[in-house]
Amino acid sequence: MPIKDSEFGKGRRDPSLLLIEFLSFNFRNAYTLDELVEAMKSLGRNLSKEDVEGLLSALEYGGRAKSKVIDGVTYYMYSKVIGFRSI
């Protein structure tokens, strides 16, 4: 059964949208997995490391995020997508 747009707006936002929104707003910074877990907590979503890692993996696959290991630590950052090519 269909619902009205006002009811649709009442639902909780998809955590992957919150994560990409956070990364895109802070596009000049790269974050560790632990820092992103804490960022999600500050946005009201208590997600495990495994959950955030899975979201990041999906975002990387879709070209919306990128990761790099620096001094043995993996950092994640927003990847701007233009057309079919990420920059």
Protein backbone atom coordinates (compact mmCIF):
# COMPACT_ATOMS: atom_id res chain seq x y z
CA MET A 1 0.00 0.00 0.00
CA PRO A 2 1.44 3.40 -0.93
CA ILE A 3 2.26 6.00 1.72
CA LYS A 4 2.24 9.79 1.59
CA ASP A 5 5.48 11.73 1.22
CA SER A 6 5.05 13.10 4.75
CA GLU A 7 5.10 9.54 6.11
CA PHE A 8 8.10 8.68 3.93
CA GLY A 9 10.00 11.61 5.45
CA LYS A 10 9.45 10.25 8.95
CA GLY A 11 11.65 7.20 8.34
CA ARG A 12 15.25 7.02 9.48
CA ARG A 13 17.82 8.03 6.90
CA ASP A 14 19.93 5.35 5.31
CA PRO A 15 23.28 5.22 7.17
CA SER A 16 25.20 5.19 3.89
CA LEU A 17 23.59 8.53 3.01
CA LEU A 18 24.62 9.95 6.37
CA LEU A 19 28.16 8.70 5.87
CA ILE A 20 28.53 10.11 2.35
CA GLU A 21 26.95 13.37 3.50
CA PHE A 22 29.49 13.60 6.33
CA LEU A 23 32.41 12.81 4.02
CA SER A 24 31.25 15.21 1.30
CA PHE A 25 30.73 18.03 3.80
CA ASN A 26 34.26 17.39 5.12
CA PHE A 27 35.76 16.64 1.70
CA ARG A 28 39.15 18.15 2.53
CA ASN A 29 39.76 15.67 5.37
CA ALA A 30 40.45 11.93 5.51
CA TYR A 31 39.23 9.88 8.47
CA THR A 32 40.09 6.56 10.09
CA LEU A 33 37.44 3.90 10.57
CA ASP A 34 37.25 4.68 14.31
CA GLU A 35 36.76 8.38 13.60
CA LEU A 36 33.93 7.60 11.19
CA VAL A 37 32.24 5.31 13.73
CA GLU A 38 32.35 8.20 16.21
CA ALA A 39 31.04 10.61 13.56
CA MET A 40 28.06 8.32 12.96
CA LYS A 41 27.41 8.19 16.71
CA SER A 42 27.40 12.00 16.81
CA LEU A 43 24.76 11.91 14.06
CA GLY A 44 22.59 9.60 16.15
CA ARG A 45 23.49 6.28 14.49
CA ASN A 46 25.22 3.77 16.73
CA LEU A 47 26.88 1.53 14.13
CA SER A 48 29.54 -1.09 14.68
CA LYS A 49 32.95 -0.90 13.05
CA GLU A 50 31.90 -3.76 10.77
CA ASP A 51 28.77 -1.87 9.69
CA VAL A 52 30.71 1.31 8.86
CA GLU A 53 33.41 -0.72 7.13
CA GLY A 54 30.75 -2.39 4.97
CA LEU A 55 29.24 0.98 4.08
CA LEU A 56 32.66 2.34 3.17
CA SER A 57 33.34 -0.68 1.00
CA ALA A 58 30.09 -0.11 -0.90
CA LEU A 59 30.83 3.61 -1.25
CA GLU A 60 34.33 2.83 -2.58
CA TYR A 61 32.89 0.35 -5.05
CA GLY A 62 30.46 3.02 -6.24
CA GLY A 63 33.25 5.59 -6.53
CA ARG A 64 31.87 7.85 -3.78
CA ALA A 65 34.73 7.27 -1.33
CA LYS A 66 38.39 6.33 -1.56
CA SER A 67 40.87 4.90 0.90
CA LYS A 68 44.61 5.06 1.33
CA VAL A 69 46.96 3.47 3.84
CA ILE A 70 49.33 6.01 5.38
CA ASP A 71 51.86 4.88 7.99
CA GLY A 72 49.95 1.63 8.42
CA VAL A 73 46.61 3.35 9.05
CA THR A 74 43.74 3.28 6.55
CA TYR A 75 42.09 6.63 5.89
CA TYR A 76 38.87 7.27 4.01
CA MET A 77 37.80 10.38 2.20
CA TYR A 78 35.11 11.63 -0.15
CA SER A 79 35.62 11.05 -3.84
CA LYS A 80 33.88 13.54 -6.09
CA VAL A 81 32.18 11.87 -9.03
CA ILE A 82 31.90 13.69 -12.35
CA GLY A 83 29.91 11.71 -14.86
CA PHE A 84 31.31 8.20 -14.82
CA ARG A 85 34.78 9.19 -13.66
CA SER A 86 35.81 9.93 -10.08
CA ILE A 87 38.44 12.57 -9.41
